[in-house]
Structures are given as structure tokens and as C-alpha cells.
Amino acid sequence: MVARIILSIILAAFLLVSGCASTNTGPPISQSELKKLEDEIESMATEIYINDLVSVWKVGLKILSIMPEGTFKKHAVIGALIVDNTKNIASYYKLPTEDGCVVVGVIDDYIADLAGIREGDIIKEIENKEIKDSGHATFKPNKTSTVVVERNNTKLSFDVEPEEKPYVRIRLKKTGKINAYAKFTGIEFTTGMVHFAEDEDELAVIMGHELAHLTAKHLPKNIIIATLCGTLGGLTGPFAPLTTQALYAPYSRKNEREADYLGLIYSHNAGYNIEKGAALWKRFALEIPRSRSKSFLRSHPASPERILRVKMVGEMIKSGKNPLVDLMLN
């Protein structure tokens, strides 16, 4: 033990001396300049994240607005995206405090926008109730509510009358992974997926797909089938993982095809150009080689198949046919 301590001290001393030795690292960097650049980059990163979040949120709201009655539970909305006032948010909007919550997005010509609520406003009160975080920024449908915001150190009051709209929680995860998925708690996009999509039409194709997983109730069905496949696969001993995957994959691909199909119809009905989906899946095929695989173990259809599906549904819509009635894609 003593020997280890002595050896550690000698090693630490050696590293200290080596670190202090003269080395050629180029011109010295000013700490003030470094801090300034770090702050600028952090601000740019926050701006990009906010823009990504608002883009996904707007696309989601637009597609949700055309969903049939009873498809999703409704929430009272005013068309304002409200998030917790973190350190980065407060710094980006140059807010005096990191408390409360902040408006980071507003739907043009909708309730909040028409009332005068703006991006960067701190929500202070709703109906005389202090709002400490975004989770408390809720409204009652078809009832005029008074919203008090802080803007440029001045409190302003706005009256809004929320509307009930189909609602699903939409989140954005900071990661470079290209992914989006439906969960029991809502829809989650990664920043990698947002940047992979080139415009809102492509985002809408993905959003429609994920919402279709929820409308078709794939999640609870998947759990039941996956459990059954796991039970059957377990009977094959050392081959259990492979057997389970082989049993489950065809079922998963069928659900993915249905989500592709329904999602395209939802996106089209919301006013998006679903033909952009062909370019999206082609980019997947070229940049993510595994997406081209037609292996029987894959849980998703291969990209070429998805490209053809987009073209078929698009051609049907152009011809005036109703894809939900005139064709069932298998």
C-alpha cells in the first residue's frame, strides 16, 4: 500500500513537471475571447434547437388538426409553444431571470398571435395564477383567459379564448441519431432526424407515420405480440434471440407499412406535399445503407419499397381516388 502511494506521488510529480515543460502550442489564447466565442456558440446552438423544436411542433399541430373526431383526446390550445425558462433560454432571449416559462413559438394568425403574444415573452400568470413552469401553463377550452407576460421588464396582459384540438405531446431529443418514434406518452423526434429532413414536407411524412402508429394502436399490440414471440422463441434454447426476432419481424414490418400508408394520407390531408417522401426515403437508402436491406429479420420495410409506396399513394390522390377506400396496400 505504501509503495503504491509513493509510486502515485512520483508519477504525479513527473506529470506536473512534464506539463510545465516548455512546449510549442502556438500563440496564447485570450480567456476573454475564448469565453466570448463559447457564449456565441452556445447561443447559436440554442437558436438551432428552438428552431428545430418549433418546426416539429408546428408540423405536428397541423396534422393533428385534421384528425377525425375522437382519434385523440383534446386539449385547450392557443397556438403558443411554451417551455421551461432554462439558463440557455434566458440567455438567448436576454431575459432578466431563469424562472418561469417562455414562449418560443407562435402559430401565425392564430389565437396567441392575434392576441399579441410574442416569442420571448415570459408567462407570469394565467387567470390570476402564478405560472412557475411550462407544466402549469394550461387553459380551459372556450373560456376567455387573461395571460400576463413579461416583455422587456414590462408586464403586459392579453385575453385569449383557447380552442379544443386533438393533442399529442411532441418532444425533441438532443442527439445526432436519425430517429423518430411513437411512445405511449407521445411522439419524440431527434435533432438528427430534424436535420436529416430537408423541409417541413419531409418532416410531415415522418410525423404522419408516427401519429399513424398511435391511431392504429400499434404500441399495445406490439407488446402483446412481442411477448408471445419471446415466449415461443424461448423454447428454442440458445437460438431464442434469433427465433424471437424472426417471429416478430414480419408483424413489425406489416405495422410499419400501415403507418407509412396512413401517415401519407394524414400528411396530404393536412396540406403537405407527400411526394417529398420519395426523396426522403431515397436519402435514407443512400446515406443509411442498412435501410436498403430486405432481410427477413428487419423490423422495417426497405427504403426502395417505401419510395414506391409514396409514389403509388401520390398517384392515387392525383387521380382523384380516395386511398383509404380504393386501395389496401399489403
Foldseek 3Di string as FASTA:
>chain_A
DVVVVVVVVVVVVVVVVVVPDDDPPDDDDDPVVVVVVVLVVLLVVVVLVLVLFQLLVVLLQLLQQPDDPPLAFKFWDFFWDKFQQDPNNCSNLVHPDRWAIFTSGGDPPTFCVVQPDDGGWGWQDKQNHGGGGPVPPGDDAQDWIWTWTADPNDIDITITHTHITGDADEEEAEDLDQDWAADPRGIYGYSNVSVLDPDSLQSQLVSLLRSQCSSVVVVVVLVVLLVVLLVVLVVVPPCSVVSSLLSSQVVLQVSSVSSSQRSLVSSVVSPGDLLCNLVSLVSCVVVVVVLQDPDSSHSHHRSVVSNVSSVVVVVCVVVVHDCVPPDDDD
